C-alpha atoms as a PDB file:
ATOM      1  CA  MET A   1     117.352 284.228-100.583  1.00  0.00           C
ATOM      2  CA  ALA A   2     120.209 283.771 -98.087  1.00  0.00           C
ATOM      3  CA  GLY A   3     123.420 282.358 -99.410  1.00  0.00           C
ATOM      4  CA  THR A   4     122.973 283.393-103.066  1.00  0.00           C
ATOM      5  CA  PRO A   5     125.689 285.509-104.718  1.00  0.00           C
ATOM      6  CA  SER A   6     123.454 288.589-104.656  1.00  0.00           C
ATOM      7  CA  THR A   7     122.724 288.206-100.938  1.00  0.00           C
ATOM      8  CA  PRO A   8     125.811 286.977 -99.120  1.00  0.00           C
ATOM      9  CA  ASN A   9     125.239 285.056 -95.909  1.00  0.00           C
ATOM     10  CA  THR A  10     126.671 287.567 -93.411  1.00  0.00           C
ATOM     11  CA  HIS A  11     125.395 288.717 -90.082  1.00  0.00           C
ATOM     12  CA  PRO A  12     125.062 292.500 -89.543  1.00  0.00           C
ATOM     13  CA  GLY A  13     127.377 292.145 -86.538  1.00  0.00           C
ATOM     14  CA  GLU A  14     130.176 291.122 -88.896  1.00  0.00           C
ATOM     15  CA  GLN A  15     130.034 294.445 -90.727  1.00  0.00           C
ATOM     16  CA  ALA A  16     132.764 296.966 -89.930  1.00  0.00           C
ATOM     17  CA  ALA A  17     131.975 299.428 -87.159  1.00  0.00           C
ATOM     18  CA  GLN A  18     131.249 302.990 -88.289  1.00  0.00           C
ATOM     19  CA  ASP A  19     133.968 304.542 -86.107  1.00  0.00           C
ATOM     20  CA  PRO A  20     135.720 302.050 -83.888  1.00  0.00           C
ATOM     21  CA  ILE A  21     137.827 304.758 -82.205  1.00  0.00           C
ATOM     22  CA  ARG A  22     135.593 305.515 -79.232  1.00  0.00           C
ATOM     23  CA  LEU A  23     137.830 307.338 -76.734  1.00  0.00           C
ATOM     24  CA  LEU A  24     141.220 309.030 -76.995  1.00  0.00           C
ATOM     25  CA  ALA A  25     142.443 311.472 -74.373  1.00  0.00           C
ATOM     26  CA  VAL A  26     145.372 312.916 -72.483  1.00  0.00           C
ATOM     27  CA  ARG A  27     144.192 313.919 -68.995  1.00  0.00           C
ATOM     28  CA  ASP A  28     145.506 315.547 -65.844  1.00  0.00           C
ATOM     29  CA  THR A  29     142.920 313.733 -63.707  1.00  0.00           C
ATOM     30  CA  PRO A  30     142.884 310.111 -62.479  1.00  0.00           C
ATOM     31  CA  LEU A  31     142.070 307.510 -65.132  1.00  0.00           C
ATOM     32  CA  SER A  32     139.137 305.094 -64.950  1.00  0.00           C
ATOM     33  CA  LEU A  33     139.351 301.448 -65.969  1.00  0.00           C
ATOM     34  CA  ASP A  34     135.551 301.303 -66.049  1.00  0.00           C
ATOM     35  CA  GLU A  35     135.312 304.238 -68.473  1.00  0.00           C
ATOM     36  CA  VAL A  36     137.781 302.671 -70.906  1.00  0.00           C
ATOM     37  CA  PHE A  37     136.190 299.226 -70.635  1.00  0.00           C
ATOM     38  CA  ARG A  38     132.702 300.675 -71.258  1.00  0.00           C
ATOM     39  CA  ALA A  39     134.014 302.623 -74.259  1.00  0.00           C
ATOM     40  CA  VAL A  40     135.017 299.405 -76.041  1.00  0.00           C
ATOM     41  CA  GLY A  41     131.849 297.484 -75.248  1.00  0.00           C
ATOM     42  CA  GLU A  42     130.649 296.003 -78.526  1.00  0.00           C
ATOM     43  CA  ASP A  43     128.084 293.258 -79.077  1.00  0.00           C
ATOM     44  CA  ALA A  44     129.906 292.028 -82.195  1.00  0.00           C
ATOM     45  CA  ALA A  45     133.205 291.569 -80.342  1.00  0.00           C
ATOM     46  CA  GLY A  46     134.129 288.199 -78.898  1.00  0.00           C
ATOM     47  CA  GLY A  47     137.374 289.404 -77.347  1.00  0.00           C
ATOM     48  CA  THR A  48     138.391 292.497 -75.434  1.00  0.00           C
ATOM     49  CA  ALA A  49     141.969 293.138 -74.336  1.00  0.00           C
ATOM     50  CA  LEU A  50     142.811 295.847 -71.818  1.00  0.00           C
ATOM     51  CA  PHE A  51     146.268 297.061 -70.773  1.00  0.00           C
ATOM     52  CA  VAL A  52     146.905 299.182 -67.688  1.00  0.00           C
ATOM     53  CA  GLY A  53     150.239 300.910 -67.127  1.00  0.00           C
ATOM     54  CA  THR A  54     150.946 301.904 -63.525  1.00  0.00           C
ATOM     55  CA  VAL A  55     153.700 303.853 -61.809  1.00  0.00           C
ATOM     56  CA  ARG A  56     156.117 301.307 -60.320  1.00  0.00           C
ATOM     57  CA  ASN A  57     158.378 301.878 -57.327  1.00  0.00           C
ATOM     58  CA  HIS A  58     161.657 301.294 -59.160  1.00  0.00           C
ATOM     59  CA  ASP A  59     163.424 301.788 -62.474  1.00  0.00           C
ATOM     60  CA  GLY A  60     166.912 300.780 -63.540  1.00  0.00           C
ATOM     61  CA  GLY A  61     167.836 299.606 -60.060  1.00  0.00           C
ATOM     62  CA  ALA A  62     166.791 302.853 -58.354  1.00  0.00           C
ATOM     63  CA  ASP A  63     163.812 303.460 -56.078  1.00  0.00           C
ATOM     64  CA  VAL A  64     161.211 305.778 -57.660  1.00  0.00           C
ATOM     65  CA  ASP A  65     159.406 308.179 -55.315  1.00  0.00           C
ATOM     66  CA  THR A  66     157.240 310.052 -57.824  1.00  0.00           C
ATOM     67  CA  LEU A  67     157.082 310.899 -61.452  1.00  0.00           C
ATOM     68  CA  GLY A  68     155.441 313.395 -63.701  1.00  0.00           C
ATOM     69  CA  TYR A  69     154.246 313.088 -67.262  1.00  0.00           C
ATOM     70  CA  SER A  70     154.111 315.971 -69.705  1.00  0.00           C
ATOM     71  CA  CYS A  71     153.176 316.029 -73.365  1.00  0.00           C
ATOM     72  CA  HIS A  72     153.456 318.029 -76.545  1.00  0.00           C
ATOM     73  CA  PRO A  73     150.259 319.815 -77.691  1.00  0.00           C
ATOM     74  CA  THR A  74     150.034 317.340 -80.598  1.00  0.00           C
ATOM     75  CA  ALA A  75     149.851 314.280 -78.304  1.00  0.00           C
ATOM     76  CA  GLU A  76     146.132 313.597 -78.823  1.00  0.00           C
ATOM     77  CA  ALA A  77     146.449 314.015 -82.594  1.00  0.00           C
ATOM     78  CA  GLU A  78     149.342 311.540 -82.553  1.00  0.00           C
ATOM     79  CA  MET A  79     147.250 309.144 -80.451  1.00  0.00           C
ATOM     80  CA  ARG A  80     144.569 309.305 -83.153  1.00  0.00           C
ATOM     81  CA  ARG A  81     147.144 308.555 -85.856  1.00  0.00           C
ATOM     82  CA  VAL A  82     148.372 305.530 -83.863  1.00  0.00           C
ATOM     83  CA  ALA A  83     144.780 304.360 -83.246  1.00  0.00           C
ATOM     84  CA  GLU A  84     143.922 304.679 -86.940  1.00  0.00           C
ATOM     85  CA  LYS A  85     146.963 302.561 -87.808  1.00  0.00           C
ATOM     86  CA  VAL A  86     145.833 299.840 -85.360  1.00  0.00           C
ATOM     87  CA  VAL A  87     142.324 299.912 -86.843  1.00  0.00           C
ATOM     88  CA  ALA A  88     143.769 299.624 -90.364  1.00  0.00           C
ATOM     89  CA  ASN A  89     145.865 296.580 -89.386  1.00  0.00           C
ATOM     90  CA  HIS A  90     143.401 294.626 -87.227  1.00  0.00           C
ATOM     91  CA  PRO A  91     139.650 293.842 -87.273  1.00  0.00           C
ATOM     92  CA  VAL A  92     138.959 296.333 -84.471  1.00  0.00           C
ATOM     93  CA  ARG A  93     135.338 296.740 -83.376  1.00  0.00           C
ATOM     94  CA  ALA A  94     136.133 299.363 -80.707  1.00  0.00           C
ATOM     95  CA  LEU A  95     139.266 301.060 -79.362  1.00  0.00           C
ATOM     96  CA  ALA A  96     140.025 303.410 -76.465  1.00  0.00           C
ATOM     97  CA  ALA A  97     143.197 304.942 -75.006  1.00  0.00           C
ATOM     98  CA  VAL A  98     143.785 307.473 -72.237  1.00  0.00           C
ATOM     99  CA  HIS A  99     147.110 308.704 -70.845  1.00  0.00           C
ATOM    100  CA  ARG A 100     147.700 310.689 -67.706  1.00  0.00           C
ATOM    101  CA  VAL A 101     149.836 313.816 -67.417  1.00  0.00           C
ATOM    102  CA  GLY A 102     150.917 315.683 -64.301  1.00  0.00           C
ATOM    103  CA  ASP A 103     152.394 314.408 -61.057  1.00  0.00           C
ATOM    104  CA  LEU A 104     151.700 310.756 -60.204  1.00  0.00           C
ATOM    105  CA  ALA A 105     152.529 308.576 -57.204  1.00  0.00           C
ATOM    106  CA  VAL A 106     153.601 304.952 -57.094  1.00  0.00           C
ATOM    107  CA  GLY A 107     150.567 302.804 -57.946  1.00  0.00           C
ATOM    108  CA  ASP A 108     148.722 305.477 -59.943  1.00  0.00           C
ATOM    109  CA  LEU A 109     147.368 304.611 -63.389  1.00  0.00           C
ATOM    110  CA  ALA A 110     149.507 306.197 -66.101  1.00  0.00           C
ATOM    111  CA  VAL A 111     147.867 304.754 -69.219  1.00  0.00           C
ATOM    112  CA  VAL A 112     144.845 302.588 -70.018  1.00  0.00           C
ATOM    113  CA  VAL A 113     144.173 301.157 -73.480  1.00  0.00           C
ATOM    114  CA  ALA A 114     141.583 298.652 -74.653  1.00  0.00           C
ATOM    115  CA  VAL A 115     140.587 297.022 -77.917  1.00  0.00           C
ATOM    116  CA  SER A 116     137.600 294.838 -78.833  1.00  0.00           C
ATOM    117  CA  CYS A 117     137.776 292.507 -81.831  1.00  0.00           C
ATOM    118  CA  PRO A 118     135.777 289.536 -83.131  1.00  0.00           C
ATOM    119  CA  HIS A 119     138.224 287.067 -81.528  1.00  0.00           C
ATOM    120  CA  ARG A 120     140.617 287.038 -78.555  1.00  0.00           C
ATOM    121  CA  ALA A 121     143.878 286.631 -80.496  1.00  0.00           C
ATOM    122  CA  GLU A 122     143.032 289.642 -82.655  1.00  0.00           C
ATOM    123  CA  ALA A 123     142.202 291.692 -79.551  1.00  0.00           C
ATOM    124  CA  PHE A 124     145.518 290.784 -77.892  1.00  0.00           C
ATOM    125  CA  ASP A 125     147.490 291.619 -81.049  1.00  0.00           C
ATOM    126  CA  ALA A 126     145.696 294.932 -81.599  1.00  0.00           C
ATOM    127  CA  CYS A 127     146.031 295.945 -77.945  1.00  0.00           C
ATOM    128  CA  ARG A 128     149.753 295.187 -77.955  1.00  0.00           C
ATOM    129  CA  MET A 129     150.245 297.229 -81.119  1.00  0.00           C
ATOM    130  CA  LEU A 130     148.231 300.089 -79.625  1.00  0.00           C
ATOM    131  CA  ILE A 131     150.237 300.356 -76.387  1.00  0.00           C
ATOM    132  CA  ASP A 132     153.614 299.719 -78.029  1.00  0.00           C
ATOM    133  CA  ASP A 133     153.068 302.308 -80.766  1.00  0.00           C
ATOM    134  CA  LEU A 134     151.559 304.799 -78.323  1.00  0.00           C
ATOM    135  CA  LYS A 135     154.645 304.538 -76.087  1.00  0.00           C
ATOM    136  CA  HIS A 136     157.045 304.862 -79.048  1.00  0.00           C
ATOM    137  CA  GLU A 137     155.289 307.463 -81.203  1.00  0.00           C
ATOM    138  CA  VAL A 138     153.189 309.789 -79.035  1.00  0.00           C
ATOM    139  CA  PRO A 139     155.136 312.771 -77.603  1.00  0.00           C
ATOM    140  CA  ILE A 140     154.652 312.115 -73.882  1.00  0.00           C
ATOM    141  CA  TRP A 141     157.648 312.377 -71.550  1.00  0.00           C
ATOM    142  CA  LYS A 142     158.247 310.979 -68.071  1.00  0.00           C
ATOM    143  CA  HIS A 143     160.205 312.828 -65.374  1.00  0.00           C
ATOM    144  CA  GLN A 144     161.220 310.364 -62.657  1.00  0.00           C
ATOM    145  CA  LYS A 145     162.344 311.404 -59.176  1.00  0.00           C
ATOM    146  CA  PHE A 146     164.376 308.830 -57.273  1.00  0.00           C
ATOM    147  CA  SER A 147     164.767 308.221 -53.533  1.00  0.00           C
ATOM    148  CA  ASP A 148     168.474 309.116 -53.676  1.00  0.00           C
ATOM    149  CA  GLY A 149     167.626 312.658 -54.849  1.00  0.00           C
ATOM    150  CA  THR A 150     168.477 312.100 -58.512  1.00  0.00           C
ATOM    151  CA  GLU A 151     166.030 312.433 -61.366  1.00  0.00           C
ATOM    152  CA  GLU A 152     165.798 311.709 -65.072  1.00  0.00           C
ATOM    153  CA  TRP A 153     163.659 312.498 -68.101  1.00  0.00           C
ATOM    154  CA  VAL A 154     162.545 309.568 -70.226  1.00  0.00           C
ATOM    155  CA  GLY A 155     161.161 310.183 -73.709  1.00  0.00           C
ATOM    156  CA  ALA A 156     158.281 308.016 -74.748  1.00  0.00           C
ATOM    157  CA  CYS A 157     159.053 308.609 -78.391  1.00  0.00           C
END
């Protein structure tokens, strides 16, 4: 009988997902918003938050022409560690993150992350933690080339 102590009144959709980490990758090919969004599709989620990082045309007052990303061989393993931490701290139903490496132009997608949770506030919080921790903890570096001929390396972690 529903609602008795031996049979709690819960919907199967409220049960934890088997493996909410659906997609993690570092790629040298263009990223797809649709792929990441599809990866976090989850019937039990009421909120999905998606963050897209793009190459901007300036940094620190200088005009950026191009940039390149490179990573340590452990980058994907570190992404998994970050994702697992987000899942442990939030009611994540599905999570995905992809980061680009190689040479990128202004406007190109550099990183796409998405998180689905039961409610919108949880999805926003989990997505923010995912992108912030990814940028601070995953060994991916940015090499910026400026219009004035100068360049700089920026460590993401």
